[in-house]
C-alpha atoms as a PDB file:
ATOM      1  CA  MET A   1       0.000   0.000   0.000  1.00  0.00           C
ATOM      2  CA  LYS A   2       1.412   3.398  -1.000  1.00  0.00           C
ATOM      3  CA  LEU A   3       1.920   5.915   1.782  1.00  0.00           C
ATOM      4  CA  TYR A   4       1.012   9.396   0.570  1.00  0.00           C
ATOM      5  CA  THR A   5       2.773  12.495   1.775  1.00  0.00           C
ATOM      6  CA  LYS A   6       0.700  15.415   3.050  1.00  0.00           C
ATOM      7  CA  LEU A   7       1.379  17.298  -0.193  1.00  0.00           C
ATOM      8  CA  GLU A   8       0.193  14.394  -2.324  1.00  0.00           C
ATOM      9  CA  VAL A   9      -3.021  14.076  -0.296  1.00  0.00           C
ATOM     10  CA  VAL A  10      -3.720  17.743  -1.000  1.00  0.00           C
ATOM     11  CA  TYR A  11      -3.571  16.974  -4.708  1.00  0.00           C
ATOM     12  CA  ILE A  12      -5.610  13.768  -4.539  1.00  0.00           C
ATOM     13  CA  ASN A  13      -8.431  15.057  -2.327  1.00  0.00           C
ATOM     14  CA  PRO A  14      -9.004  18.756  -2.939  1.00  0.00           C
ATOM     15  CA  ILE A  15     -11.628  20.380  -0.744  1.00  0.00           C
ATOM     16  CA  VAL A  16     -11.860  23.559  -2.821  1.00  0.00           C
ATOM     17  CA  SER A  17     -11.688  23.945  -6.589  1.00  0.00           C
ATOM     18  CA  ALA A  18     -10.509  27.408  -7.611  1.00  0.00           C
ATOM     19  CA  ILE A  19     -11.836  28.264 -11.082  1.00  0.00           C
ATOM     20  CA  ILE A  20     -10.065  30.931 -13.137  1.00  0.00           C
ATOM     21  CA  PRO A  21     -11.494  31.825 -16.577  1.00  0.00           C
ATOM     22  CA  ALA A  22      -8.713  33.318 -18.677  1.00  0.00           C
ATOM     23  CA  TYR A  23      -8.895  35.591 -21.703  1.00  0.00           C
ATOM     24  CA  ASN A  24      -6.008  37.849 -22.757  1.00  0.00           C
ATOM     25  CA  CYS A  25      -4.809  38.095 -19.164  1.00  0.00           C
ATOM     26  CA  SER A  26      -1.161  37.041 -19.402  1.00  0.00           C
ATOM     27  CA  LEU A  27      -0.043  40.229 -17.614  1.00  0.00           C
ATOM     28  CA  TYR A  28      -2.030  39.378 -14.491  1.00  0.00           C
ATOM     29  CA  ILE A  29      -2.805  35.674 -14.210  1.00  0.00           C
ATOM     30  CA  LYS A  30       0.425  34.616 -12.517  1.00  0.00           C
ATOM     31  CA  GLN A  31      -0.388  36.792  -9.515  1.00  0.00           C
ATOM     32  CA  ALA A  32      -3.872  35.233  -9.370  1.00  0.00           C
ATOM     33  CA  ILE A  33      -2.500  31.679  -9.524  1.00  0.00           C
ATOM     34  CA  GLU A  34       0.175  32.339  -6.897  1.00  0.00           C
ATOM     35  CA  SER A  35      -2.460  33.749  -4.551  1.00  0.00           C
ATOM     36  CA  VAL A  36      -4.315  30.428  -4.805  1.00  0.00           C
ATOM     37  CA  LEU A  37      -1.240  28.282  -4.308  1.00  0.00           C
ATOM     38  CA  ILE A  38      -0.421  29.917  -0.967  1.00  0.00           C
ATOM     39  CA  GLN A  39      -3.812  29.015   0.523  1.00  0.00           C
ATOM     40  CA  ASP A  40      -3.288  26.580   3.390  1.00  0.00           C
ATOM     41  CA  ILE A  41      -5.966  24.033   2.448  1.00  0.00           C
ATOM     42  CA  PRO A  42      -6.280  21.074   0.058  1.00  0.00           C
ATOM     43  CA  LEU A  43      -7.243  22.541  -3.312  1.00  0.00           C
ATOM     44  CA  GLU A  44      -7.001  22.375  -7.066  1.00  0.00           C
ATOM     45  CA  ILE A  45      -6.738  25.158  -9.637  1.00  0.00           C
ATOM     46  CA  ILE A  46      -8.735  24.989 -12.859  1.00  0.00           C
ATOM     47  CA  VAL A  47      -7.762  27.485 -15.554  1.00  0.00           C
ATOM     48  CA  ILE A  48     -10.057  27.750 -18.574  1.00  0.00           C
ATOM     49  CA  ASN A  49      -8.343  29.420 -21.542  1.00  0.00           C
ATOM     50  CA  ASP A  50     -11.178  31.009 -23.510  1.00  0.00           C
ATOM     51  CA  CYS A  51      -9.207  31.370 -26.773  1.00  0.00           C
ATOM     52  CA  SER A  52      -6.749  33.958 -25.496  1.00  0.00           C
ATOM     53  CA  GLN A  53      -4.726  35.684 -28.193  1.00  0.00           C
ATOM     54  CA  ASP A  54      -1.786  36.656 -25.991  1.00  0.00           C
ATOM     55  CA  ASN A  55       1.061  34.562 -24.541  1.00  0.00           C
ATOM     56  CA  LEU A  56      -1.072  33.061 -21.776  1.00  0.00           C
ATOM     57  CA  GLU A  57       0.202  29.505 -22.303  1.00  0.00           C
ATOM     58  CA  LYS A  58       3.805  30.644 -22.034  1.00  0.00           C
ATOM     59  CA  VAL A  59       3.090  32.426 -18.752  1.00  0.00           C
ATOM     60  CA  ILE A  60       1.378  29.422 -17.128  1.00  0.00           C
ATOM     61  CA  GLU A  61       3.762  26.841 -18.557  1.00  0.00           C
ATOM     62  CA  GLN A  62       5.531  26.447 -15.211  1.00  0.00           C
ATOM     63  CA  TYR A  63       2.305  25.236 -13.570  1.00  0.00           C
ATOM     64  CA  LEU A  64       1.193  22.663 -16.132  1.00  0.00           C
ATOM     65  CA  GLU A  65       3.033  19.723 -14.552  1.00  0.00           C
ATOM     66  CA  MET A  66       1.560  20.323 -11.109  1.00  0.00           C
ATOM     67  CA  ASP A  67      -0.836  17.589  -9.983  1.00  0.00           C
ATOM     68  CA  ASN A  68      -3.352  20.078  -8.629  1.00  0.00           C
ATOM     69  CA  PHE A  69      -3.357  22.280 -11.729  1.00  0.00           C
ATOM     70  CA  VAL A  70      -5.967  21.622 -14.434  1.00  0.00           C
ATOM     71  CA  TYR A  71      -5.681  23.470 -17.728  1.00  0.00           C
ATOM     72  CA  VAL A  72      -8.375  23.474 -20.419  1.00  0.00           C
ATOM     73  CA  LYS A  73      -8.392  25.383 -23.696  1.00  0.00           C
ATOM     74  CA  ASN A  74     -11.758  26.122 -25.294  1.00  0.00           C
ATOM     75  CA  GLU A  75     -11.998  25.365 -29.015  1.00  0.00           C
ATOM     76  CA  ILE A  76     -14.112  28.484 -29.526  1.00  0.00           C
ATOM     77  CA  ASN A  77     -14.628  31.575 -27.409  1.00  0.00           C
ATOM     78  CA  LEU A  78     -17.431  30.669 -24.970  1.00  0.00           C
ATOM     79  CA  GLY A  79     -17.444  33.714 -22.715  1.00  0.00           C
ATOM     80  CA  VAL A  80     -16.808  33.933 -19.011  1.00  0.00           C
ATOM     81  CA  ALA A  81     -20.085  32.331 -17.854  1.00  0.00           C
ATOM     82  CA  ALA A  82     -19.748  29.165 -19.939  1.00  0.00           C
ATOM     83  CA  SER A  83     -16.046  28.940 -19.085  1.00  0.00           C
ATOM     84  CA  ARG A  84     -16.813  29.025 -15.370  1.00  0.00           C
ATOM     85  CA  ASN A  85     -19.515  26.385 -15.914  1.00  0.00           C
ATOM     86  CA  LYS A  86     -16.986  24.159 -17.659  1.00  0.00           C
ATOM     87  CA  GLY A  87     -14.698  24.548 -14.657  1.00  0.00           C
ATOM     88  CA  VAL A  88     -17.499  23.577 -12.291  1.00  0.00           C
ATOM     89  CA  GLY A  89     -18.103  20.447 -14.356  1.00  0.00           C
ATOM     90  CA  LEU A  90     -14.441  19.448 -13.988  1.00  0.00           C
ATOM     91  CA  ALA A  91     -14.144  20.310 -10.299  1.00  0.00           C
ATOM     92  CA  ARG A  92     -13.353  17.627  -7.718  1.00  0.00           C
ATOM     93  CA  GLY A  93     -13.588  19.827  -4.654  1.00  0.00           C
ATOM     94  CA  ARG A  94     -16.537  20.029  -2.284  1.00  0.00           C
ATOM     95  CA  TYR A  95     -16.552  23.790  -2.688  1.00  0.00           C
ATOM     96  CA  ILE A  96     -16.138  26.106  -5.661  1.00  0.00           C
ATOM     97  CA  ALA A  97     -14.248  29.389  -5.404  1.00  0.00           C
ATOM     98  CA  PHE A  98     -14.301  31.747  -8.384  1.00  0.00           C
ATOM     99  CA  LEU A  99     -11.356  34.018  -9.169  1.00  0.00           C
ATOM    100  CA  ASP A 100     -11.015  36.387 -12.107  1.00  0.00           C
ATOM    101  CA  ALA A 101      -7.585  36.261 -13.713  1.00  0.00           C
ATOM    102  CA  ASP A 102      -6.760  39.886 -12.884  1.00  0.00           C
ATOM    103  CA  ASP A 103      -7.718  39.676  -9.180  1.00  0.00           C
ATOM    104  CA  TRP A 104      -5.975  37.933  -6.292  1.00  0.00           C
ATOM    105  CA  TRP A 105      -6.651  36.554  -2.808  1.00  0.00           C
ATOM    106  CA  SER A 106      -5.237  37.124   0.662  1.00  0.00           C
ATOM    107  CA  PRO A 107      -3.380  34.057   2.029  1.00  0.00           C
ATOM    108  CA  ASP A 108      -6.060  32.978   4.530  1.00  0.00           C
ATOM    109  CA  LYS A 109      -9.149  33.680   2.406  1.00  0.00           C
ATOM    110  CA  LEU A 110     -10.258  30.118   1.667  1.00  0.00           C
ATOM    111  CA  LYS A 111      -9.520  28.820   5.158  1.00  0.00           C
ATOM    112  CA  LYS A 112     -11.714  31.477   6.765  1.00  0.00           C
ATOM    113  CA  GLN A 113     -14.520  30.790   4.305  1.00  0.00           C
ATOM    114  CA  MET A 114     -14.313  27.022   4.793  1.00  0.00           C
ATOM    115  CA  GLU A 115     -14.723  27.421   8.555  1.00  0.00           C
ATOM    116  CA  ILE A 116     -17.938  29.340   7.967  1.00  0.00           C
ATOM    117  CA  MET A 117     -19.270  27.034   5.260  1.00  0.00           C
ATOM    118  CA  ASP A 118     -18.526  23.902   7.285  1.00  0.00           C
ATOM    119  CA  THR A 119     -20.326  25.110  10.426  1.00  0.00           C
ATOM    120  CA  ASN A 120     -23.279  27.065   9.012  1.00  0.00           C
ATOM    121  CA  LYS A 121     -26.001  26.651   6.423  1.00  0.00           C
ATOM    122  CA  TYR A 122     -25.166  29.632   4.240  1.00  0.00           C
ATOM    123  CA  VAL A 123     -25.162  28.795   0.540  1.00  0.00           C
ATOM    124  CA  ILE A 124     -22.658  31.497  -0.435  1.00  0.00           C
ATOM    125  CA  CYS A 125     -19.760  32.969   1.500  1.00  0.00           C
ATOM    126  CA  PHE A 126     -18.159  36.144   0.171  1.00  0.00           C
ATOM    127  CA  THR A 127     -15.742  38.758   1.489  1.00  0.00           C
ATOM    128  CA  GLY A 128     -14.862  42.425   1.426  1.00  0.00           C
ATOM    129  CA  ARG A 129     -12.352  43.670  -1.108  1.00  0.00           C
ATOM    130  CA  LYS A 130      -9.558  46.103  -1.750  1.00  0.00           C
ATOM    131  CA  ILE A 131      -9.475  48.070  -4.991  1.00  0.00           C
ATOM    132  CA  VAL A 132      -6.472  48.601  -7.252  1.00  0.00           C
ATOM    133  CA  ASN A 133      -6.224  50.344 -10.598  1.00  0.00           C
ATOM    134  CA  SER A 134      -5.275  48.596 -13.836  1.00  0.00           C
ATOM    135  CA  ALA A 135      -1.573  48.935 -12.963  1.00  0.00           C
ATOM    136  CA  GLY A 136      -2.095  47.173  -9.635  1.00  0.00           C
ATOM    137  CA  LEU A 137      -1.633  50.285  -7.511  1.00  0.00           C
ATOM    138  CA  TYR A 138      -3.866  50.460  -4.452  1.00  0.00           C
ATOM    139  CA  ILE A 139      -6.707  52.935  -4.430  1.00  0.00           C
ATOM    140  CA  LYS A 140      -7.431  53.886  -0.835  1.00  0.00           C
ATOM    141  CA  THR A 141     -11.004  52.583  -0.889  1.00  0.00           C
ATOM    142  CA  ILE A 142     -11.670  49.297   0.927  1.00  0.00           C
ATOM    143  CA  ILE A 143     -15.161  47.885   0.484  1.00  0.00           C
ATOM    144  CA  PRO A 144     -16.303  45.729   3.423  1.00  0.00           C
ATOM    145  CA  SER A 145     -19.103  43.252   2.896  1.00  0.00           C
ATOM    146  CA  LYS A 146     -22.509  43.085   4.490  1.00  0.00           C
ATOM    147  CA  GLN A 147     -22.636  40.215   6.960  1.00  0.00           C
ATOM    148  CA  ILE A 148     -25.956  38.665   5.916  1.00  0.00           C
ATOM    149  CA  VAL A 149     -27.498  39.024   2.448  1.00  0.00           C
ATOM    150  CA  ASN A 150     -30.762  37.554   1.181  1.00  0.00           C
ATOM    151  CA  TYR A 151     -32.477  37.770  -2.195  1.00  0.00           C
ATOM    152  CA  ASN A 152     -34.352  41.006  -1.466  1.00  0.00           C
ATOM    153  CA  ILE A 153     -31.282  42.773  -0.110  1.00  0.00           C
ATOM    154  CA  LEU A 154     -29.260  41.690  -3.124  1.00  0.00           C
ATOM    155  CA  LEU A 155     -31.886  43.067  -5.510  1.00  0.00           C
ATOM    156  CA  HIS A 156     -31.098  46.587  -4.278  1.00  0.00           C
ATOM    157  CA  HIS A 157     -27.390  46.240  -4.819  1.00  0.00           C
ATOM    158  CA  ASN A 158     -24.983  43.526  -5.917  1.00  0.00           C
ATOM    159  CA  SER A 159     -22.660  43.524  -2.928  1.00  0.00           C
ATOM    160  CA  ILE A 160     -21.158  40.112  -3.792  1.00  0.00           C
ATOM    161  CA  SER A 161     -17.870  40.259  -5.691  1.00  0.00           C
ATOM    162  CA  CYS A 162     -17.405  37.206  -7.911  1.00  0.00           C
ATOM    163  CA  SER A 163     -13.723  36.769  -7.030  1.00  0.00           C
ATOM    164  CA  SER A 164     -14.650  36.573  -3.354  1.00  0.00           C
ATOM    165  CA  VAL A 165     -17.300  33.848  -3.619  1.00  0.00           C
ATOM    166  CA  MET A 166     -17.224  30.328  -2.226  1.00  0.00           C
ATOM    167  CA  LEU A 167     -20.217  28.004  -2.620  1.00  0.00           C
ATOM    168  CA  ALA A 168     -20.933  24.286  -2.604  1.00  0.00           C
ATOM    169  CA  LYS A 169     -20.128  22.523  -5.864  1.00  0.00           C
ATOM    170  CA  LYS A 170     -23.594  20.963  -5.878  1.00  0.00           C
ATOM    171  CA  ILE A 171     -25.202  24.419  -5.812  1.00  0.00           C
ATOM    172  CA  ALA A 172     -22.878  25.760  -8.518  1.00  0.00           C
ATOM    173  CA  TYR A 173     -23.627  22.735 -10.705  1.00  0.00           C
ATOM    174  CA  GLU A 174     -27.401  23.054 -10.227  1.00  0.00           C
ATOM    175  CA  HIS A 175     -27.291  26.773 -11.063  1.00  0.00           C
ATOM    176  CA  PRO A 176     -24.916  27.376 -13.975  1.00  0.00           C
ATOM    177  CA  MET A 177     -24.072  30.926 -14.976  1.00  0.00           C
ATOM    178  CA  ARG A 178     -25.768  32.403 -18.039  1.00  0.00           C
ATOM    179  CA  ASN A 179     -26.469  35.661 -19.880  1.00  0.00           C
ATOM    180  CA  ASP A 180     -22.921  36.882 -20.470  1.00  0.00           C
ATOM    181  CA  GLU A 181     -24.323  40.030 -22.053  1.00  0.00           C
ATOM    182  CA  TYR A 182     -25.478  41.159 -18.602  1.00  0.00           C
ATOM    183  CA  HIS A 183     -23.908  40.754 -15.155  1.00  0.00           C
ATOM    184  CA  GLU A 184     -23.815  36.959 -15.263  1.00  0.00           C
ATOM    185  CA  ASP A 185     -22.558  36.604 -11.691  1.00  0.00           C
ATOM    186  CA  TYR A 186     -25.278  38.897 -10.296  1.00  0.00           C
ATOM    187  CA  ILE A 187     -27.943  36.836 -12.056  1.00  0.00           C
ATOM    188  CA  ASN A 188     -26.424  33.703 -10.573  1.00  0.00           C
ATOM    189  CA  TRP A 189     -26.293  34.964  -6.979  1.00  0.00           C
ATOM    190  CA  LEU A 190     -29.927  36.093  -7.195  1.00  0.00           C
ATOM    191  CA  GLU A 191     -30.996  32.689  -8.512  1.00  0.00           C
ATOM    192  CA  VAL A 192     -29.081  30.814  -5.816  1.00  0.00           C
ATOM    193  CA  LEU A 193     -30.362  32.969  -2.946  1.00  0.00           C
ATOM    194  CA  LYS A 194     -33.937  32.872  -4.236  1.00  0.00           C
ATOM    195  CA  ASN A 195     -33.871  29.080  -4.142  1.00  0.00           C
ATOM    196  CA  HIS A 196     -31.532  28.200  -1.295  1.00  0.00           C
ATOM    197  CA  GLY A 197     -31.278  30.850   1.419  1.00  0.00           C
ATOM    198  CA  LEU A 198     -28.672  33.282   2.712  1.00  0.00           C
ATOM    199  CA  ALA A 199     -25.195  34.508   1.842  1.00  0.00           C
ATOM    200  CA  PHE A 200     -22.684  35.330   4.564  1.00  0.00           C
ATOM    201  CA  GLY A 201     -20.130  38.081   4.155  1.00  0.00           C
ATOM    202  CA  ILE A 202     -16.738  38.260   5.835  1.00  0.00           C
ATOM    203  CA  ARG A 203     -16.152  41.985   6.227  1.00  0.00           C
ATOM    204  CA  GLU A 204     -12.384  41.710   5.817  1.00  0.00           C
ATOM    205  CA  PRO A 205     -11.022  42.615   2.358  1.00  0.00           C
ATOM    206  CA  LEU A 206      -9.703  39.133   1.520  1.00  0.00           C
ATOM    207  CA  VAL A 207      -9.720  39.715  -2.235  1.00  0.00           C
ATOM    208  CA  THR A 208      -8.047  42.451  -4.256  1.00  0.00           C
ATOM    209  CA  TYR A 209     -10.130  43.613  -7.201  1.00  0.00           C
ATOM    210  CA  ARG A 210      -8.482  45.209 -10.213  1.00  0.00           C
ATOM    211  CA  LYS A 211     -10.444  47.937 -11.994  1.00  0.00           C
ATOM    212  CA  SER A 212      -9.365  46.983 -15.487  1.00  0.00           C
ATOM    213  CA  ILE A 213      -9.785  49.410 -18.356  1.00  0.00           C
ATOM    214  CA  ASN A 214     -11.876  46.958 -20.404  1.00  0.00           C
ATOM    215  CA  GLY A 215     -13.954  45.482 -17.586  1.00  0.00           C
ATOM    216  CA  LYS A 216     -17.730  45.312 -17.867  1.00  0.00           C
ATOM    217  CA  SER A 217     -18.265  47.552 -14.858  1.00  0.00           C
ATOM    218  CA  ARG A 218     -15.778  50.157 -16.016  1.00  0.00           C
ATOM    219  CA  ASN A 219     -18.233  51.630 -18.528  1.00  0.00           C
ATOM    220  CA  ARG A 220     -20.855  53.127 -16.211  1.00  0.00           C
ATOM    221  CA  PHE A 221     -23.605  53.468 -18.809  1.00  0.00           C
ATOM    222  CA  LYS A 222     -23.086  49.934 -20.062  1.00  0.00           C
ATOM    223  CA  SER A 223     -23.131  48.637 -16.486  1.00  0.00           C
ATOM    224  CA  ILE A 224     -26.411  50.470 -15.787  1.00  0.00           C
ATOM    225  CA  ARG A 225     -28.001  48.952 -18.884  1.00  0.00           C
ATOM    226  CA  MET A 226     -26.822  45.479 -17.893  1.00  0.00           C
ATOM    227  CA  THR A 227     -28.125  45.872 -14.345  1.00  0.00           C
ATOM    228  CA  TYR A 228     -31.545  46.867 -15.693  1.00  0.00           C
ATOM    229  CA  GLY A 229     -31.357  43.763 -17.888  1.00  0.00           C
ATOM    230  CA  VAL A 230     -30.742  41.628 -14.812  1.00  0.00           C
ATOM    231  CA  TYR A 231     -33.974  42.886 -13.236  1.00  0.00           C
ATOM    232  CA  ARG A 232     -35.938  42.165 -16.389  1.00  0.00           C
ATOM    233  CA  ILE A 233     -34.487  38.635 -16.507  1.00  0.00           C
ATOM    234  CA  GLU A 234     -35.771  38.280 -12.950  1.00  0.00           C
ATOM    235  CA  ARG A 235     -39.236  39.073 -14.359  1.00  0.00           C
ATOM    236  CA  ILE A 236     -39.471  42.276 -12.335  1.00  0.00           C
ATOM    237  CA  SER A 237     -41.818  44.936 -13.736  1.00  0.00           C
ATOM    238  CA  LYS A 238     -40.354  47.914 -15.593  1.00  0.00           C
ATOM    239  CA  VAL A 239     -41.424  50.347 -12.881  1.00  0.00           C
ATOM    240  CA  ARG A 240     -39.918  48.318 -10.033  1.00  0.00           C
ATOM    241  CA  SER A 241     -36.816  47.649 -12.140  1.00  0.00           C
ATOM    242  CA  LEU A 242     -36.271  51.405 -12.439  1.00  0.00           C
ATOM    243  CA  ILE A 243     -36.771  51.851  -8.682  1.00  0.00           C
ATOM    244  CA  LEU A 244     -34.277  49.086  -7.951  1.00  0.00           C
ATOM    245  CA  LEU A 245     -31.869  50.574 -10.480  1.00  0.00           C
ATOM    246  CA  CYS A 246     -31.976  53.897  -8.633  1.00  0.00           C
ATOM    247  CA  SER A 247     -31.191  52.074  -5.389  1.00  0.00           C
ATOM    248  CA  HIS A 248     -28.350  50.242  -7.119  1.00  0.00           C
ATOM    249  CA  LEU A 249     -26.899  53.518  -8.422  1.00  0.00           C
ATOM    250  CA  LEU A 250     -27.118  55.160  -5.008  1.00  0.00           C
ATOM    251  CA  HIS A 251     -25.254  52.292  -3.387  1.00  0.00           C
ATOM    252  CA  GLY A 252     -22.678  52.445  -6.171  1.00  0.00           C
ATOM    253  CA  ILE A 253     -22.078  56.167  -5.656  1.00  0.00           C
ATOM    254  CA  ILE A 254     -21.577  55.655  -1.932  1.00  0.00           C
ATOM    255  CA  LYS A 255     -19.333  52.620  -2.489  1.00  0.00           C
ATOM    256  CA  TYR A 256     -17.036  54.213  -5.016  1.00  0.00           C
ATOM    257  CA  PHE A 257     -17.176  57.813  -3.727  1.00  0.00           C
ATOM    258  CA  GLN A 258     -13.492  57.782  -2.879  1.00  0.00           C
ATOM    259  CA  ILE A 259     -12.304  56.168  -6.121  1.00  0.00           C
END
């Protein structure tokens, strides 16, 4: 009978699967991957290359032989939602943690979330975040999370950052992401909370979020249109959608006032 070392057991029995969709992110993805590797729990990393046109494969070449590193290259560009779904389908961990390729985690992020997920019945655990600009320089704003979020609270403002989320693989598999043309993660959190309960927020900024030049949320008018689209997908009336949109904008102004 083979005796496995502690390191080998980590690779064989991951508790968390970290899913990183990757598209033209070779400048940033190494920092994201390294922030996962320093987490002190059994995990695996799943990188989905969504037809990147940069030197992504060269940058991640050093990780490809690692037993806990899974690399998949899409044959056609699927978009971030479908790429995350593909990662969920490949995941072996009990929990899923999403990470965008230009963001990164604090060293104890996953451990703190696991302690909460293992001892409570929350379906999503998320955290606060720090903000950096596209060059990775810290902007002084730190955005703490709400502690408890339900469906109705989330309708008024999407306070859940995708790169901070941990949820059970079963839940992620039952509720795949969709509608890339809108805020696909916001749609997903609303669907999960509507059907399964509460999200718990760790107020500490355990994820660093990069405000990239080409990000969806960078264009304010586009982001407003997409948020309105989320409400309509939720089958909310036009009048209430506009009211919720106003609430969303107010929260956004307060949140990013210092940026």
